[in-house]
PDB file of N, CA and C in Angstrom:
ATOM      1  N   MET A   1       0.749  -1.044  -0.191  1.00  0.00           N
ATOM      2  CA  MET A   1       0.118  -0.166   0.116  1.00  0.00           C
ATOM      3  C   MET A   1       1.024   1.482  -0.050  1.00  0.00           C
ATOM      4  N   VAL A   2       2.384   1.036   0.176  1.00  0.00           N
ATOM      5  CA  VAL A   2       2.941   2.409   0.083  1.00  0.00           C
ATOM      6  C   VAL A   2       3.812   2.705  -0.743  1.00  0.00           C
ATOM      7  N   MET A   3       3.874   1.461  -1.755  1.00  0.00           N
ATOM      8  CA  MET A   3       4.661   1.428  -3.010  1.00  0.00           C
ATOM      9  C   MET A   3       4.249   2.429  -3.953  1.00  0.00           C
ATOM     10  N   ILE A   4       2.676   2.546  -4.283  1.00  0.00           N
ATOM     11  CA  ILE A   4       2.462   3.484  -5.412  1.00  0.00           C
ATOM     12  C   ILE A   4       2.772   4.599  -4.838  1.00  0.00           C
ATOM     13  N   PRO A   5       2.070   5.327  -3.530  1.00  0.00           N
ATOM     14  CA  PRO A   5       2.118   6.748  -3.294  1.00  0.00           C
ATOM     15  C   PRO A   5       3.915   6.995  -3.310  1.00  0.00           C
ATOM     16  N   LEU A   6       4.594   6.182  -3.157  1.00  0.00           N
ATOM     17  CA  LEU A   6       5.962   6.656  -2.735  1.00  0.00           C
ATOM     18  C   LEU A   6       6.538   6.642  -4.220  1.00  0.00           C
ATOM     19  N   MET A   7       6.522   5.601  -4.824  1.00  0.00           N
ATOM     20  CA  MET A   7       6.308   5.639  -6.471  1.00  0.00           C
ATOM     21  C   MET A   7       5.964   7.316  -7.455  1.00  0.00           C
ATOM     22  N   LEU A   8       5.052   7.492  -6.758  1.00  0.00           N
ATOM     23  CA  LEU A   8       4.409   9.115  -7.228  1.00  0.00           C
ATOM     24  C   LEU A   8       4.955  10.210  -6.555  1.00  0.00           C
ATOM     25  N   GLY A   9       5.932   9.972  -5.700  1.00  0.00           N
ATOM     26  CA  GLY A   9       6.896  10.982  -5.050  1.00  0.00           C
ATOM     27  C   GLY A   9       5.898  11.627  -3.966  1.00  0.00           C
ATOM     28  N   HIS A  10       4.810  10.997  -3.207  1.00  0.00           N
ATOM     29  CA  HIS A  10       4.088  11.426  -1.955  1.00  0.00           C
ATOM     30  C   HIS A  10       4.843  10.988  -0.739  1.00  0.00           C
ATOM     31  N   THR A  11       4.736  11.913   0.397  1.00  0.00           N
ATOM     32  CA  THR A  11       5.281  11.532   1.713  1.00  0.00           C
ATOM     33  C   THR A  11       4.082  10.576   2.138  1.00  0.00           C
ATOM     34  N   VAL A  12       4.548   9.289   2.816  1.00  0.00           N
ATOM     35  CA  VAL A  12       3.687   8.484   3.361  1.00  0.00           C
ATOM     36  C   VAL A  12       4.112   8.287   4.601  1.00  0.00           C
ATOM     37  N   ILE A  13       3.308   8.379   5.800  1.00  0.00           N
ATOM     38  CA  ILE A  13       3.324   8.160   6.927  1.00  0.00           C
ATOM     39  C   ILE A  13       2.776   7.228   7.709  1.00  0.00           C
ATOM     40  N   CYS A  14       3.333   6.146   8.185  1.00  0.00           N
ATOM     41  CA  CYS A  14       3.136   4.868   8.661  1.00  0.00           C
ATOM     42  C   CYS A  14       3.078   4.667  10.265  1.00  0.00           C
ATOM     43  N   ASP A  15       1.863   3.999  10.794  1.00  0.00           N
ATOM     44  CA  ASP A  15       1.595   4.295  12.573  1.00  0.00           C
ATOM     45  C   ASP A  15       2.768   3.162  12.708  1.00  0.00           C
ATOM     46  N   ARG A  16       2.608   1.903  12.179  1.00  0.00           N
ATOM     47  CA  ARG A  16       3.449   0.964  12.107  1.00  0.00           C
ATOM     48  C   ARG A  16       3.988   0.139  11.022  1.00  0.00           C
ATOM     49  N   TYR A  17       5.200  -0.622  11.246  1.00  0.00           N
ATOM     50  CA  TYR A  17       5.950  -1.174   9.944  1.00  0.00           C
ATOM     51  C   TYR A  17       6.645  -1.685  10.446  1.00  0.00           C
ATOM     52  N   VAL A  18       7.914  -1.747   9.453  1.00  0.00           N
ATOM     53  CA  VAL A  18       9.251  -2.726   9.809  1.00  0.00           C
ATOM     54  C   VAL A  18       9.364  -3.281  11.286  1.00  0.00           C
ATOM     55  N   LEU A  19       9.578  -2.193  12.097  1.00  0.00           N
ATOM     56  CA  LEU A  19      10.071  -2.565  13.660  1.00  0.00           C
ATOM     57  C   LEU A  19       9.135  -3.598  13.854  1.00  0.00           C
ATOM     58  N   ASP A  20       7.485  -2.727  13.992  1.00  0.00           N
ATOM     59  CA  ASP A  20       6.934  -3.670  14.457  1.00  0.00           C
ATOM     60  C   ASP A  20       6.531  -4.707  14.002  1.00  0.00           C
ATOM     61  N   LEU A  21       6.524  -4.973  12.912  1.00  0.00           N
ATOM     62  CA  LEU A  21       6.330  -6.296  12.001  1.00  0.00           C
ATOM     63  C   LEU A  21       7.406  -7.672  12.891  1.00  0.00           C
ATOM     64  N   MET A  22       8.973  -6.881  12.960  1.00  0.00           N
ATOM     65  CA  MET A  22       9.718  -7.772  13.640  1.00  0.00           C
ATOM     66  C   MET A  22       9.599  -8.379  14.828  1.00  0.00           C
ATOM     67  N   VAL A  23       9.500  -6.930  15.681  1.00  0.00           N
ATOM     68  CA  VAL A  23       9.535  -7.220  17.161  1.00  0.00           C
ATOM     69  C   VAL A  23       7.834  -8.139  17.419  1.00  0.00           C
ATOM     70  N   GLU A  24       6.766  -8.377  16.901  1.00  0.00           N
ATOM     71  CA  GLU A  24       5.392  -8.815  16.982  1.00  0.00           C
ATOM     72  C   GLU A  24       5.889 -10.307  16.639  1.00  0.00           C
ATOM     73  N   GLY A  25       6.396 -10.580  15.103  1.00  0.00           N
ATOM     74  CA  GLY A  25       6.949 -11.797  14.741  1.00  0.00           C
ATOM     75  C   GLY A  25       8.006 -12.492  16.030  1.00  0.00           C
ATOM     76  N   MET A  26       9.121 -11.595  16.391  1.00  0.00           N
ATOM     77  CA  MET A  26       9.997 -12.714  17.206  1.00  0.00           C
ATOM     78  C   MET A  26       9.675 -13.059  18.423  1.00  0.00           C
ATOM     79  N   ALA A  27       8.751 -12.207  19.190  1.00  0.00           N
ATOM     80  CA  ALA A  27       8.175 -12.452  20.265  1.00  0.00           C
ATOM     81  C   ALA A  27       7.293 -13.402  20.235  1.00  0.00           C
ATOM     82  N   ASP A  28       6.175 -13.491  19.143  1.00  0.00           N
ATOM     83  CA  ASP A  28       5.296 -14.579  19.228  1.00  0.00           C
ATOM     84  C   ASP A  28       6.058 -16.173  19.036  1.00  0.00           C
ATOM     85  N   LEU A  29       7.308 -15.752  18.193  1.00  0.00           N
ATOM     86  CA  LEU A  29       8.565 -16.856  17.803  1.00  0.00           C
ATOM     87  C   LEU A  29       8.830 -17.444  18.959  1.00  0.00           C
ATOM     88  N   LYS A  30       9.382 -16.027  20.120  1.00  0.00           N
ATOM     89  CA  LYS A  30      10.499 -16.402  21.252  1.00  0.00           C
ATOM     90  C   LYS A  30      11.913 -16.466  20.357  1.00  0.00           C
ATOM     91  N   ASP A  31      12.123 -15.697  19.411  1.00  0.00           N
ATOM     92  CA  ASP A  31      13.297 -15.379  18.791  1.00  0.00           C
ATOM     93  C   ASP A  31      13.785 -14.514  19.654  1.00  0.00           C
ATOM     94  N   GLN A  32      15.383 -14.849  19.458  1.00  0.00           N
ATOM     95  CA  GLN A  32      16.414 -13.665  20.370  1.00  0.00           C
ATOM     96  C   GLN A  32      16.734 -12.787  19.004  1.00  0.00           C
ATOM     97  N   PRO A  33      16.706 -11.383  19.386  1.00  0.00           N
ATOM     98  CA  PRO A  33      17.255 -10.405  18.629  1.00  0.00           C
ATOM     99  C   PRO A  33      18.481 -10.714  17.401  1.00  0.00           C
ATOM    100  N   GLY A  34      19.373 -11.454  17.810  1.00  0.00           N
ATOM    101  CA  GLY A  34      20.713 -11.691  16.853  1.00  0.00           C
ATOM    102  C   GLY A  34      19.730 -12.976  15.817  1.00  0.00           C
ATOM    103  N   ARG A  35      19.107 -13.292  16.054  1.00  0.00           N
ATOM    104  CA  ARG A  35      18.517 -14.575  15.457  1.00  0.00           C
ATOM    105  C   ARG A  35      17.160 -14.177  13.902  1.00  0.00           C
ATOM    106  N   THR A  36      17.509 -14.121  12.768  1.00  0.00           N
ATOM    107  CA  THR A  36      16.797 -13.840  11.729  1.00  0.00           C
ATOM    108  C   THR A  36      16.164 -14.742  10.935  1.00  0.00           C
ATOM    109  N   ARG A  37      14.885 -14.963  11.046  1.00  0.00           N
ATOM    110  CA  ARG A  37      14.565 -16.000  10.432  1.00  0.00           C
ATOM    111  C   ARG A  37      14.301 -15.643   8.612  1.00  0.00           C
ATOM    112  N   PHE A  38      14.119 -16.821   7.722  1.00  0.00           N
ATOM    113  CA  PHE A  38      14.107 -16.321   6.511  1.00  0.00           C
ATOM    114  C   PHE A  38      12.861 -15.346   6.271  1.00  0.00           C
ATOM    115  N   GLY A  39      11.727 -15.551   6.824  1.00  0.00           N
ATOM    116  CA  GLY A  39      10.614 -14.665   6.671  1.00  0.00           C
ATOM    117  C   GLY A  39      10.720 -13.102   7.092  1.00  0.00           C
ATOM    118  N   PHE A  40      11.787 -12.903   8.052  1.00  0.00           N
ATOM    119  CA  PHE A  40      12.296 -11.400   8.485  1.00  0.00           C
ATOM    120  C   PHE A  40      13.045 -11.099   7.280  1.00  0.00           C
ATOM    121  N   LYS A  41      14.189 -11.649   6.999  1.00  0.00           N
ATOM    122  CA  LYS A  41      14.755 -11.487   6.121  1.00  0.00           C
ATOM    123  C   LYS A  41      13.840 -10.889   4.673  1.00  0.00           C
ATOM    124  N   LEU A  42      12.936 -11.285   4.047  1.00  0.00           N
ATOM    125  CA  LEU A  42      12.060 -10.815   3.386  1.00  0.00           C
ATOM    126  C   LEU A  42      11.803  -9.517   3.018  1.00  0.00           C
ATOM    127  N   LEU A  43      11.862  -8.821   4.876  1.00  0.00           N
ATOM    128  CA  LEU A  43      11.576  -7.360   5.127  1.00  0.00           C
ATOM    129  C   LEU A  43      12.333  -6.684   4.313  1.00  0.00           C
ATOM    130  N   ARG A  44      13.602  -7.066   4.341  1.00  0.00           N
ATOM    131  CA  ARG A  44      14.489  -5.794   3.109  1.00  0.00           C
ATOM    132  C   ARG A  44      14.085  -5.466   2.094  1.00  0.00           C
ATOM    133  N   PHE A  45      12.855  -6.418   1.500  1.00  0.00           N
ATOM    134  CA  PHE A  45      12.581  -5.801   0.513  1.00  0.00           C
ATOM    135  C   PHE A  45      11.488  -5.033   0.218  1.00  0.00           C
ATOM    136  N   LEU A  46      11.235  -4.367   1.930  1.00  0.00           N
ATOM    137  CA  LEU A  46      10.119  -3.681   1.567  1.00  0.00           C
ATOM    138  C   LEU A  46      10.706  -2.004   1.609  1.00  0.00           C
ATOM    139  N   PRO A  47      10.183  -0.844   1.129  1.00  0.00           N
ATOM    140  CA  PRO A  47      10.714   0.563   1.547  1.00  0.00           C
ATOM    141  C   PRO A  47      11.208   0.740   2.206  1.00  0.00           C
ATOM    142  N   ARG A  48      12.255   1.159   2.086  1.00  0.00           N
ATOM    143  CA  ARG A  48      13.251   1.787   3.694  1.00  0.00           C
ATOM    144  C   ARG A  48      12.755   3.364   4.115  1.00  0.00           C
ATOM    145  N   PRO A  49      12.204   3.229   5.361  1.00  0.00           N
ATOM    146  CA  PRO A  49      11.953   4.763   5.779  1.00  0.00           C
ATOM    147  C   PRO A  49      13.104   6.019   5.863  1.00  0.00           C
ATOM    148  N   GLN A  50      12.778   6.943   5.636  1.00  0.00           N
ATOM    149  CA  GLN A  50      13.655   7.865   5.841  1.00  0.00           C
ATOM    150  C   GLN A  50      14.129   8.172   7.127  1.00  0.00           C
ATOM    151  N   GLN A  51      12.762   8.078   7.852  1.00  0.00           N
ATOM    152  CA  GLN A  51      13.247   8.479   9.497  1.00  0.00           C
ATOM    153  C   GLN A  51      11.630   7.429  10.056  1.00  0.00           C
ATOM    154  N   ALA A  52      12.399   7.124  11.281  1.00  0.00           N
ATOM    155  CA  ALA A  52      11.220   6.084  11.724  1.00  0.00           C
ATOM    156  C   ALA A  52      11.557   6.203  13.444  1.00  0.00           C
ATOM    157  N   PHE A  53      10.092   6.458  14.126  1.00  0.00           N
ATOM    158  CA  PHE A  53      10.221   6.765  15.270  1.00  0.00           C
ATOM    159  C   PHE A  53       9.962   5.348  15.988  1.00  0.00           C
ATOM    160  N   LEU A  54      10.152   5.493  17.426  1.00  0.00           N
ATOM    161  CA  LEU A  54       9.910   4.684  18.184  1.00  0.00           C
ATOM    162  C   LEU A  54       9.684   5.707  19.510  1.00  0.00           C
ATOM    163  N   VAL A  55       8.161   5.772  20.013  1.00  0.00           N
ATOM    164  CA  VAL A  55       7.996   6.307  21.472  1.00  0.00           C
ATOM    165  C   VAL A  55       7.846   5.372  22.391  1.00  0.00           C
ATOM    166  N   ARG A  56       8.697   5.532  23.350  1.00  0.00           N
ATOM    167  CA  ARG A  56       9.072   4.567  24.353  1.00  0.00           C
ATOM    168  C   ARG A  56       8.224   4.649  25.604  1.00  0.00           C
ATOM    169  N   VAL A  57       7.258   3.722  25.988  1.00  0.00           N
ATOM    170  CA  VAL A  57       6.558   3.965  27.252  1.00  0.00           C
ATOM    171  C   VAL A  57       7.155   2.771  27.918  1.00  0.00           C
ATOM    172  N   ASP A  58       6.748   2.811  29.104  1.00  0.00           N
ATOM    173  CA  ASP A  58       7.311   1.844  29.702  1.00  0.00           C
ATOM    174  C   ASP A  58       5.900   0.766  29.855  1.00  0.00           C
ATOM    175  N   PRO A  59       6.588  -0.555  30.264  1.00  0.00           N
ATOM    176  CA  PRO A  59       5.262  -1.668  29.954  1.00  0.00           C
ATOM    177  C   PRO A  59       4.469  -1.461  30.767  1.00  0.00           C
ATOM    178  N   ARG A  60       4.463  -0.714  31.919  1.00  0.00           N
ATOM    179  CA  ARG A  60       3.205  -1.213  33.072  1.00  0.00           C
ATOM    180  C   ARG A  60       2.427  -0.143  32.640  1.00  0.00           C
ATOM    181  N   VAL A  61       2.654   1.156  31.640  1.00  0.00           N
ATOM    182  CA  VAL A  61       1.438   2.454  31.136  1.00  0.00           C
ATOM    183  C   VAL A  61       0.993   1.804  30.010  1.00  0.00           C
ATOM    184  N   ALA A  62       1.976   0.876  29.338  1.00  0.00           N
ATOM    185  CA  ALA A  62       1.273   0.152  28.035  1.00  0.00           C
ATOM    186  C   ALA A  62      -0.057  -0.814  28.419  1.00  0.00           C
ATOM    187  N   PHE A  63       0.598  -1.269  29.225  1.00  0.00           N
ATOM    188  CA  PHE A  63      -0.415  -2.582  29.964  1.00  0.00           C
ATOM    189  C   PHE A  63      -2.051  -2.319  30.187  1.00  0.00           C
ATOM    190  N   GLU A  64      -1.510  -0.643  31.066  1.00  0.00           N
ATOM    191  CA  GLU A  64      -3.123  -0.291  31.685  1.00  0.00           C
ATOM    192  C   GLU A  64      -3.457   0.453  30.778  1.00  0.00           C
ATOM    193  N   ARG A  65      -3.004   0.992  28.984  1.00  0.00           N
ATOM    194  CA  ARG A  65      -3.622   1.545  28.340  1.00  0.00           C
ATOM    195  C   ARG A  65      -4.272   0.277  27.235  1.00  0.00           C
ATOM    196  N   LYS A  66      -3.568  -0.705  27.294  1.00  0.00           N
ATOM    197  CA  LYS A  66      -4.556  -2.291  26.869  1.00  0.00           C
ATOM    198  C   LYS A  66      -4.637  -2.683  27.504  1.00  0.00           C
ATOM    199  N   PRO A  67      -5.314  -3.091  28.176  1.00  0.00           N
ATOM    200  CA  PRO A  67      -5.602  -4.551  29.124  1.00  0.00           C
ATOM    201  C   PRO A  67      -5.859  -5.291  28.336  1.00  0.00           C
ATOM    202  N   ASP A  68      -6.328  -5.522  27.424  1.00  0.00           N
ATOM    203  CA  ASP A  68      -6.875  -6.708  26.819  1.00  0.00           C
ATOM    204  C   ASP A  68      -5.657  -7.608  26.007  1.00  0.00           C
ATOM    205  N   MET A  69      -4.591  -7.590  26.447  1.00  0.00           N
ATOM    206  CA  MET A  69      -2.990  -8.107  26.173  1.00  0.00           C
ATOM    207  C   MET A  69      -3.331  -9.113  27.036  1.00  0.00           C
ATOM    208  N   PRO A  70      -2.262 -10.539  26.964  1.00  0.00           N
ATOM    209  CA  PRO A  70      -1.991 -10.975  27.932  1.00  0.00           C
ATOM    210  C   PRO A  70      -1.749 -10.701  29.757  1.00  0.00           C
ATOM    211  N   THR A  71      -0.903 -10.478  29.419  1.00  0.00           N
ATOM    212  CA  THR A  71      -0.044  -9.987  30.762  1.00  0.00           C
ATOM    213  C   THR A  71       1.041  -8.902  31.007  1.00  0.00           C
ATOM    214  N   LEU A  72       1.730  -8.246  31.684  1.00  0.00           N
ATOM    215  CA  LEU A  72       2.618  -7.316  31.798  1.00  0.00           C
ATOM    216  C   LEU A  72       3.875  -8.135  31.446  1.00  0.00           C
ATOM    217  N   SER A  73       4.424  -9.500  31.468  1.00  0.00           N
ATOM    218  CA  SER A  73       5.358  -9.718  31.034  1.00  0.00           C
ATOM    219  C   SER A  73       5.693  -9.657  29.280  1.00  0.00           C
ATOM    220  N   HIS A  74       4.299  -9.740  28.666  1.00  0.00           N
ATOM    221  CA  HIS A  74       3.993  -9.460  27.474  1.00  0.00           C
ATOM    222  C   HIS A  74       4.696  -8.354  26.567  1.00  0.00           C
ATOM    223  N   PHE A  75       4.410  -7.106  27.473  1.00  0.00           N
ATOM    224  CA  PHE A  75       4.826  -5.860  27.131  1.00  0.00           C
ATOM    225  C   PHE A  75       6.352  -5.856  27.517  1.00  0.00           C
ATOM    226  N   ARG A  76       6.904  -6.267  28.608  1.00  0.00           N
ATOM    227  CA  ARG A  76       8.235  -6.285  28.618  1.00  0.00           C
ATOM    228  C   ARG A  76       9.009  -6.959  27.669  1.00  0.00           C
ATOM    229  N   ALA A  77       8.714  -8.119  27.514  1.00  0.00           N
ATOM    230  CA  ALA A  77       9.282  -8.941  26.582  1.00  0.00           C
ATOM    231  C   ALA A  77       9.346  -8.051  25.094  1.00  0.00           C
ATOM    232  N   ARG A  78       8.257  -7.412  24.790  1.00  0.00           N
ATOM    233  CA  ARG A  78       8.304  -6.836  23.371  1.00  0.00           C
ATOM    234  C   ARG A  78       9.152  -5.260  23.928  1.00  0.00           C
ATOM    235  N   ALA A  79       9.230  -4.624  24.826  1.00  0.00           N
ATOM    236  CA  ALA A  79       9.796  -3.573  25.231  1.00  0.00           C
ATOM    237  C   ALA A  79      11.370  -4.025  24.805  1.00  0.00           C
ATOM    238  N   GLU A  80      11.941  -4.722  25.424  1.00  0.00           N
ATOM    239  CA  GLU A  80      13.001  -5.233  25.310  1.00  0.00           C
ATOM    240  C   GLU A  80      13.503  -5.628  23.666  1.00  0.00           C
ATOM    241  N   LEU A  81      12.585  -5.973  23.011  1.00  0.00           N
ATOM    242  CA  LEU A  81      12.761  -6.260  21.638  1.00  0.00           C
ATOM    243  C   LEU A  81      13.157  -4.834  21.070  1.00  0.00           C
ATOM    244  N   TYR A  82      11.940  -4.209  21.096  1.00  0.00           N
ATOM    245  CA  TYR A  82      11.829  -2.723  20.760  1.00  0.00           C
ATOM    246  C   TYR A  82      13.093  -2.055  20.612  1.00  0.00           C
ATOM    247  N   ASN A  83      13.724  -1.791  22.006  1.00  0.00           N
ATOM    248  CA  ASN A  83      14.549  -1.208  22.283  1.00  0.00           C
ATOM    249  C   ASN A  83      15.995  -1.574  21.458  1.00  0.00           C
ATOM    250  N   GLU A  84      16.233  -3.209  21.384  1.00  0.00           N
ATOM    251  CA  GLU A  84      17.188  -3.644  20.903  1.00  0.00           C
ATOM    252  C   GLU A  84      17.375  -3.215  19.578  1.00  0.00           C
ATOM    253  N   LEU A  85      16.092  -3.754  19.001  1.00  0.00           N
ATOM    254  CA  LEU A  85      16.194  -3.429  17.545  1.00  0.00           C
ATOM    255  C   LEU A  85      15.959  -1.989  16.983  1.00  0.00           C
ATOM    256  N   ALA A  86      15.504  -1.321  17.638  1.00  0.00           N
ATOM    257  CA  ALA A  86      15.527   0.165  17.299  1.00  0.00           C
ATOM    258  C   ALA A  86      16.932   0.610  17.229  1.00  0.00           C
ATOM    259  N   ASP A  87      17.910   0.243  18.591  1.00  0.00           N
ATOM    260  CA  ASP A  87      19.017   0.549  18.436  1.00  0.00           C
ATOM    261  C   ASP A  87      19.856  -0.165  16.972  1.00  0.00           C
ATOM    262  N   ARG A  88      19.688  -0.782  16.765  1.00  0.00           N
ATOM    263  CA  ARG A  88      20.082  -1.718  15.556  1.00  0.00           C
ATOM    264  C   ARG A  88      19.954  -1.174  14.143  1.00  0.00           C
ATOM    265  N   MET A  89      18.540  -0.669  14.111  1.00  0.00           N
ATOM    266  CA  MET A  89      17.744   0.070  13.101  1.00  0.00           C
ATOM    267  C   MET A  89      17.983   1.555  12.346  1.00  0.00           C
ATOM    268  N   GLY A  90      18.647   2.210  14.046  1.00  0.00           N
ATOM    269  CA  GLY A  90      18.854   3.415  13.796  1.00  0.00           C
ATOM    270  C   GLY A  90      17.248   4.278  13.817  1.00  0.00           C
ATOM    271  N   VAL A  91      16.535   3.873  14.618  1.00  0.00           N
ATOM    272  CA  VAL A  91      15.053   4.554  14.788  1.00  0.00           C
ATOM    273  C   VAL A  91      15.505   5.233  15.872  1.00  0.00           C
ATOM    274  N   THR A  92      14.762   6.545  15.650  1.00  0.00           N
ATOM    275  CA  THR A  92      14.782   7.715  16.522  1.00  0.00           C
ATOM    276  C   THR A  92      13.759   7.553  17.727  1.00  0.00           C
ATOM    277  N   VAL A  93      14.441   7.390  18.862  1.00  0.00           N
ATOM    278  CA  VAL A  93      13.532   6.690  20.471  1.00  0.00           C
ATOM    279  C   VAL A  93      13.189   7.968  20.989  1.00  0.00           C
ATOM    280  N   LEU A  94      12.104   8.136  21.200  1.00  0.00           N
ATOM    281  CA  LEU A  94      11.038   9.781  21.524  1.00  0.00           C
ATOM    282  C   LEU A  94      10.518   9.218  22.935  1.00  0.00           C
ATOM    283  N   ASP A  95      10.795  10.034  24.204  1.00  0.00           N
ATOM    284  CA  ASP A  95      10.330   9.649  25.455  1.00  0.00           C
ATOM    285  C   ASP A  95       8.575   9.739  25.652  1.00  0.00           C
ATOM    286  N   GLY A  96       7.828   8.539  25.400  1.00  0.00           N
ATOM    287  CA  GLY A  96       6.674   8.416  25.826  1.00  0.00           C
ATOM    288  C   GLY A  96       5.594   9.163  26.500  1.00  0.00           C
ATOM    289  N   SER A  97       6.617   9.474  27.952  1.00  0.00           N
ATOM    290  CA  SER A  97       5.958  10.208  29.089  1.00  0.00           C
ATOM    291  C   SER A  97       6.042  11.581  28.579  1.00  0.00           C
ATOM    292  N   MET A  98       6.327  12.292  27.624  1.00  0.00           N
ATOM    293  CA  MET A  98       6.284  13.190  27.290  1.00  0.00           C
ATOM    294  C   MET A  98       4.497  13.412  26.656  1.00  0.00           C
ATOM    295  N   SER A  99       4.117  14.557  26.542  1.00  0.00           N
ATOM    296  CA  SER A  99       2.729  14.785  26.169  1.00  0.00           C
ATOM    297  C   SER A  99       2.673  14.533  24.460  1.00  0.00           C
ATOM    298  N   PRO A 100       1.368  13.962  24.007  1.00  0.00           N
ATOM    299  CA  PRO A 100       1.027  13.622  22.997  1.00  0.00           C
ATOM    300  C   PRO A 100       1.473  14.914  22.150  1.00  0.00           C
ATOM    301  N   GLU A 101       0.990  16.075  22.694  1.00  0.00           N
ATOM    302  CA  GLU A 101       1.461  17.442  21.645  1.00  0.00           C
ATOM    303  C   GLU A 101       3.302  17.847  21.300  1.00  0.00           C
ATOM    304  N   ALA A 102       4.160  17.288  22.443  1.00  0.00           N
ATOM    305  CA  ALA A 102       5.418  17.245  22.116  1.00  0.00           C
ATOM    306  C   ALA A 102       6.007  16.493  21.434  1.00  0.00           C
ATOM    307  N   ILE A 103       5.310  15.243  21.600  1.00  0.00           N
ATOM    308  CA  ILE A 103       5.507  13.924  20.671  1.00  0.00           C
ATOM    309  C   ILE A 103       5.070  14.475  19.252  1.00  0.00           C
ATOM    310  N   HIS A 104       3.948  14.872  19.264  1.00  0.00           N
ATOM    311  CA  HIS A 104       3.878  15.398  17.554  1.00  0.00           C
ATOM    312  C   HIS A 104       4.793  16.276  16.955  1.00  0.00           C
ATOM    313  N   ASP A 105       5.187  17.608  17.814  1.00  0.00           N
ATOM    314  CA  ASP A 105       5.862  18.468  17.388  1.00  0.00           C
ATOM    315  C   ASP A 105       7.328  18.216  17.267  1.00  0.00           C
ATOM    316  N   GLU A 106       8.060  16.835  17.826  1.00  0.00           N
ATOM    317  CA  GLU A 106       8.994  16.641  17.535  1.00  0.00           C
ATOM    318  C   GLU A 106       9.133  15.770  16.404  1.00  0.00           C
ATOM    319  N   ILE A 107       8.420  15.030  16.414  1.00  0.00           N
ATOM    320  CA  ILE A 107       8.512  14.072  15.130  1.00  0.00           C
ATOM    321  C   ILE A 107       8.108  15.208  13.959  1.00  0.00           C
ATOM    322  N   TRP A 108       7.278  16.209  13.845  1.00  0.00           N
ATOM    323  CA  TRP A 108       6.958  17.081  12.548  1.00  0.00           C
ATOM    324  C   TRP A 108       8.222  17.562  12.547  1.00  0.00           C
ATOM    325  N   ARG A 109       9.327  18.186  13.478  1.00  0.00           N
ATOM    326  CA  ARG A 109       9.973  19.149  13.704  1.00  0.00           C
ATOM    327  C   ARG A 109      11.291  18.393  12.604  1.00  0.00           C
ATOM    328  N   ARG A 110      11.318  17.081  12.745  1.00  0.00           N
ATOM    329  CA  ARG A 110      12.167  16.157  12.484  1.00  0.00           C
ATOM    330  C   ARG A 110      12.019  15.746  11.097  1.00  0.00           C
ATOM    331  N   ILE A 111      10.562  15.814  10.693  1.00  0.00           N
ATOM    332  CA  ILE A 111      10.355  15.136   9.523  1.00  0.00           C
ATOM    333  C   ILE A 111      10.436  16.640   8.131  1.00  0.00           C
ATOM    334  N   SER A 112      10.068  17.823   9.358  1.00  0.00           N
ATOM    335  CA  SER A 112      10.390  18.811   8.018  1.00  0.00           C
ATOM    336  C   SER A 112      11.710  19.317   7.802  1.00  0.00           C
ATOM    337  N   LYS A 113      12.289  19.239   8.634  1.00  0.00           N
ATOM    338  CA  LYS A 113      13.684  19.088   8.713  1.00  0.00           C
ATOM    339  C   LYS A 113      14.411  18.573   7.702  1.00  0.00           C
ATOM    340  N   ASP A 114      14.071  17.023   7.404  1.00  0.00           N
ATOM    341  CA  ASP A 114      14.721  16.149   6.366  1.00  0.00           C
ATOM    342  C   ASP A 114      14.066  16.593   4.974  1.00  0.00           C
ATOM    343  N   ARG A 115      12.665  16.796   5.082  1.00  0.00           N
ATOM    344  CA  ARG A 115      12.115  17.614   3.896  1.00  0.00           C
ATOM    345  C   ARG A 115      12.787  18.691   3.250  1.00  0.00           C
ATOM    346  N   MET A 116      13.285  19.604   4.147  1.00  0.00           N
ATOM    347  CA  MET A 116      13.831  20.764   3.854  1.00  0.00           C
ATOM    348  C   MET A 116      14.856  20.490   3.110  1.00  0.00           C
ATOM    349  N   ALA A 117      16.010  19.590   3.831  1.00  0.00           N
ATOM    350  CA  ALA A 117      17.044  19.265   3.354  1.00  0.00           C
ATOM    351  C   ALA A 117      16.950  18.633   2.413  1.00  0.00           C
ATOM    352  N   GLY A 118      16.054  17.997   1.833  1.00  0.00           N
ATOM    353  CA  GLY A 118      15.696  16.755   0.459  1.00  0.00           C
ATOM    354  C   GLY A 118      15.806  17.802  -0.897  1.00  0.00           C
ATOM    355  N   VAL A 119      14.769  19.080  -0.131  1.00  0.00           N
ATOM    356  CA  VAL A 119      14.627  20.120  -1.303  1.00  0.00           C
ATOM    357  C   VAL A 119      15.707  21.110  -1.677  1.00  0.00           C
ATOM    358  N   ALA A 120      16.372  21.398  -0.881  1.00  0.00           N
ATOM    359  CA  ALA A 120      17.569  21.998  -1.005  1.00  0.00           C
ATOM    360  C   ALA A 120      18.748  21.389  -1.731  1.00  0.00           C
ATOM    361  N   GLY A 121      18.705  20.083  -1.352  1.00  0.00           N
ATOM    362  CA  GLY A 121      19.635  18.928  -1.674  1.00  0.00           C
ATOM    363  C   GLY A 121      19.540  18.349  -3.141  1.00  0.00           C
TER     364      GLY A 121
END
């Protein structure tokens, strides 16, 4: 769903993308971050984001916000994977304790800076 708009030169913003796919798959399969199954290797064929963000939220807060998930340990395991993979993939990590407005402003500032650099370059 992102390929055609990208080919047409549009900016595409995805709420969840490769990092989320990898974390969910690895957590469900009980994989370690260093191990990459063949299916995950196929993700490299997806378009690479120019910017990627992870809003880091304490697992307890995440569990309170989404109580339909099985356990707090579910969130803790995924948080560890998100943090490790975000570091490896060069994802910008934002503090989830900031207000939604502050998070929005920071993301917008970074995206705007990149877009302006692209226009100037």
